[in-house]
Amino acid sequence: MAQVRVLTGDRVTLRQPRLDDADELFAAVASDPEVTRYVTWMPHPDVAETRRVITELFNKGKERTWLIELRDTGEVIGTCGFRVVQPHLREFGYVLGRRWWGQRLIAEVVDLLIAEMESDPKVRRIAAVCHVENTRSARVLERAGLTLEGRLVRHTVFPNIGTEPQDVLQFGKAVE
């Protein structure tokens, strides 16, 4: 498993997921159908699946994943990460437990992720997509300085919505 640096904001800490995070991550995020509505994976049926994801999928290959926790309490509230698409291009995403929606915590997370991606001198572009109906995520991306570049038709399968590819909004940012 590749290691990720700890990233610290005013209210959140992004750190390496550990196996002992599985119960809390399952309860707060991975088992909630509403939280997982606009992601590319199904809600986990049990904590064993969350353990499997932590061990087998997080921080493998060209993907980097952080656990999001509240600085004050250490509560696990979500995950975030990016993947190296090409040496110069990073695509990122995030998921936050429903209990913490509307508190602008994900804006802080996105700012930390962008700063981490921009710290790599090879990176020239940062991008993210969101389902066309995920207006909250679209606002987060715009506020973080990404530009809406267009609508990609029938681009991504969101298994919690259906088996057909759905339209997404493409956001991007050039890195100087």
Protein backbone atom coordinates (compact mmCIF):
# COMPACT_ATOMS: atom_id res chain seq x y z
CA MET A 1 0.00 0.00 0.00
CA ALA A 2 1.34 3.40 -1.00
CA GLN A 3 1.61 5.93 1.80
CA VAL A 4 -0.11 9.33 1.71
CA ARG A 5 0.96 12.43 3.57
CA VAL A 6 -1.23 13.70 6.38
CA LEU A 7 -3.00 16.88 5.24
CA THR A 8 -4.36 19.19 7.90
CA GLY A 9 -6.96 21.93 7.57
CA ASP A 10 -8.74 24.09 10.11
CA ARG A 11 -11.49 21.54 10.79
CA VAL A 12 -10.43 18.34 9.03
CA THR A 13 -7.46 16.02 8.81
CA LEU A 14 -6.84 13.82 5.77
CA ARG A 15 -4.85 10.72 6.63
CA GLN A 16 -4.05 7.18 5.54
CA PRO A 17 -7.05 4.85 5.99
CA ARG A 18 -6.40 2.00 8.43
CA LEU A 19 -8.14 -1.32 8.81
CA ASP A 20 -9.39 -0.30 12.26
CA ASP A 21 -11.32 2.57 10.57
CA ALA A 22 -13.62 0.08 8.83
CA ASP A 23 -16.45 -0.01 11.39
CA GLU A 24 -16.73 3.77 11.60
CA LEU A 25 -16.33 4.27 7.84
CA PHE A 26 -19.01 1.65 7.16
CA ALA A 27 -21.48 3.20 9.60
CA ALA A 28 -20.93 6.85 8.63
CA VAL A 29 -20.41 6.59 4.88
CA ALA A 30 -20.10 3.32 3.02
CA SER A 31 -23.43 1.74 4.03
CA ASP A 32 -25.65 4.77 3.34
CA PRO A 33 -27.53 4.59 0.01
CA GLU A 34 -28.12 8.35 0.01
CA VAL A 35 -24.41 9.09 0.52
CA THR A 36 -23.41 6.67 -2.24
CA ARG A 37 -26.10 7.77 -4.73
CA TYR A 38 -23.67 9.68 -6.97
CA VAL A 39 -20.60 7.44 -6.69
CA THR A 40 -19.47 4.60 -8.93
CA TRP A 41 -19.78 1.89 -6.26
CA MET A 42 -22.66 0.30 -4.40
CA PRO A 43 -23.23 0.78 -0.65
CA HIS A 44 -21.29 -1.83 1.27
CA PRO A 45 -23.52 -4.67 2.49
CA ASP A 46 -21.41 -5.21 5.61
CA VAL A 47 -18.26 -4.04 7.34
CA ALA A 48 -16.30 -6.94 5.81
CA GLU A 49 -16.66 -5.23 2.42
CA THR A 50 -15.36 -1.96 3.88
CA ARG A 51 -12.36 -3.85 5.29
CA ARG A 52 -11.75 -5.42 1.87
CA VAL A 53 -11.82 -2.01 0.17
CA ILE A 54 -9.38 -0.52 2.67
CA THR A 55 -6.95 -3.42 2.23
CA GLU A 56 -7.31 -4.21 -1.46
CA LEU A 57 -8.29 -0.96 -3.20
CA PHE A 58 -7.15 2.09 -1.25
CA ASN A 59 -3.72 3.46 -2.21
CA LYS A 60 -2.99 0.86 -4.86
CA GLY A 61 -1.41 1.60 -8.22
CA LYS A 62 -1.98 5.18 -9.33
CA GLU A 63 -4.76 5.95 -6.86
CA ARG A 64 -4.33 7.88 -3.62
CA THR A 65 -7.01 7.77 -0.94
CA TRP A 66 -7.34 9.67 2.31
CA LEU A 67 -9.71 9.18 5.20
CA ILE A 68 -11.42 12.41 6.23
CA GLU A 69 -11.72 12.95 9.96
CA LEU A 70 -12.79 15.87 12.11
CA ARG A 71 -9.79 17.42 13.81
CA ASP A 72 -11.57 18.14 17.09
CA THR A 73 -13.12 14.71 17.63
CA GLY A 74 -11.25 12.31 15.32
CA GLU A 75 -14.62 11.16 13.90
CA VAL A 76 -14.42 9.48 10.50
CA ILE A 77 -16.65 11.49 8.15
CA GLY A 78 -15.64 10.45 4.61
CA THR A 79 -12.96 9.64 2.08
CA CYS A 80 -11.33 11.52 -0.75
CA GLY A 81 -8.58 10.98 -3.24
CA PHE A 82 -7.22 11.28 -6.72
CA ARG A 83 -5.87 9.12 -9.46
CA VAL A 84 -2.98 9.75 -11.80
CA VAL A 85 -4.55 9.59 -15.26
CA GLN A 86 -1.39 10.77 -17.03
CA PRO A 87 1.83 12.15 -15.53
CA HIS A 88 0.43 15.70 -15.87
CA LEU A 89 -3.25 14.98 -15.06
CA ARG A 90 -5.02 14.20 -11.78
CA GLU A 91 -8.72 13.41 -11.38
CA PHE A 92 -10.20 13.62 -7.91
CA GLY A 93 -13.32 12.78 -5.96
CA TYR A 94 -14.78 12.65 -2.48
CA VAL A 95 -17.62 11.26 -0.40
CA LEU A 96 -18.90 12.68 2.88
CA GLY A 97 -21.25 11.16 5.44
CA ARG A 98 -24.72 12.66 5.38
CA ARG A 99 -24.51 13.91 8.96
CA TRP A 100 -21.81 16.40 7.87
CA TRP A 101 -23.44 17.73 4.69
CA GLY A 102 -24.02 21.48 4.46
CA GLN A 103 -21.22 22.44 6.85
CA ARG A 104 -18.69 23.39 4.13
CA LEU A 105 -16.34 20.66 5.34
CA ILE A 106 -15.97 19.21 1.86
CA ALA A 107 -14.85 22.61 0.57
CA GLU A 108 -11.95 22.45 3.01
CA VAL A 109 -11.20 18.88 1.93
CA VAL A 110 -11.17 19.86 -1.75
CA ASP A 111 -8.84 22.79 -1.04
CA LEU A 112 -6.41 20.43 0.73
CA LEU A 113 -6.57 17.91 -2.13
CA ILE A 114 -6.00 20.58 -4.77
CA ALA A 115 -3.00 21.96 -2.87
CA GLU A 116 -1.57 18.43 -2.62
CA MET A 117 -2.03 17.80 -6.35
CA GLU A 118 -0.58 21.21 -7.26
CA SER A 119 2.49 20.53 -5.12
CA ASP A 120 3.64 18.00 -7.73
CA PRO A 121 5.66 19.96 -10.33
CA LYS A 122 4.58 17.52 -13.07
CA VAL A 123 0.87 18.31 -12.65
CA ARG A 124 -0.56 20.65 -15.27
CA ARG A 125 -4.28 19.81 -15.00
CA ILE A 126 -6.72 18.87 -12.24
CA ALA A 127 -10.18 17.58 -13.09
CA ALA A 128 -13.34 16.17 -11.55
CA VAL A 129 -16.77 15.09 -12.76
CA CYS A 130 -20.10 14.94 -11.00
CA HIS A 131 -23.54 13.65 -11.96
CA VAL A 132 -25.60 16.39 -13.64
CA GLU A 133 -28.12 16.33 -10.79
CA ASN A 134 -25.49 16.59 -8.06
CA THR A 135 -25.77 20.36 -7.74
CA ARG A 136 -24.07 20.48 -4.33
CA SER A 137 -20.93 18.86 -5.69
CA ALA A 138 -20.97 21.14 -8.74
CA ARG A 139 -21.04 24.18 -6.43
CA VAL A 140 -18.14 22.80 -4.37
CA LEU A 141 -16.03 22.35 -7.50
CA GLU A 142 -16.81 25.83 -8.83
CA ARG A 143 -16.05 27.45 -5.46
CA ALA A 144 -12.72 25.59 -5.42
CA GLY A 145 -11.70 27.34 -8.64
CA LEU A 146 -12.48 24.65 -11.20
CA THR A 147 -14.29 25.71 -14.37
CA LEU A 148 -17.32 23.96 -15.76
CA GLU A 149 -16.02 22.71 -19.10
CA GLY A 150 -19.14 20.96 -20.32
CA ARG A 151 -21.54 18.10 -20.10
CA LEU A 152 -20.28 14.63 -21.01
CA VAL A 153 -23.18 12.60 -22.35
CA ARG A 154 -23.66 8.99 -21.19
CA HIS A 155 -20.24 9.05 -19.54
CA THR A 156 -20.39 7.22 -16.20
CA VAL A 157 -22.40 4.37 -14.75
CA PHE A 158 -23.73 5.24 -11.30
CA PRO A 159 -24.93 1.81 -10.11
CA ASN A 160 -27.12 3.33 -7.41
CA ILE A 161 -29.12 5.13 -10.11
CA GLY A 162 -29.17 2.43 -12.81
CA THR A 163 -27.18 0.33 -15.24
CA GLU A 164 -27.10 2.88 -18.07
CA PRO A 165 -24.29 5.45 -18.33
CA GLN A 166 -25.37 8.86 -17.02
CA ASP A 167 -24.44 12.39 -18.05
CA VAL A 168 -21.83 14.17 -15.94
CA LEU A 169 -20.50 17.70 -15.66
CA GLN A 170 -16.78 18.01 -16.39
CA PHE A 171 -14.81 20.49 -14.28
CA GLY A 172 -11.15 21.35 -14.75
CA LYS A 173 -8.35 23.64 -13.77
CA ALA A 174 -5.02 24.33 -15.43
CA VAL A 175 -2.05 24.36 -13.08
CA GLU A 176 0.69 26.84 -13.90
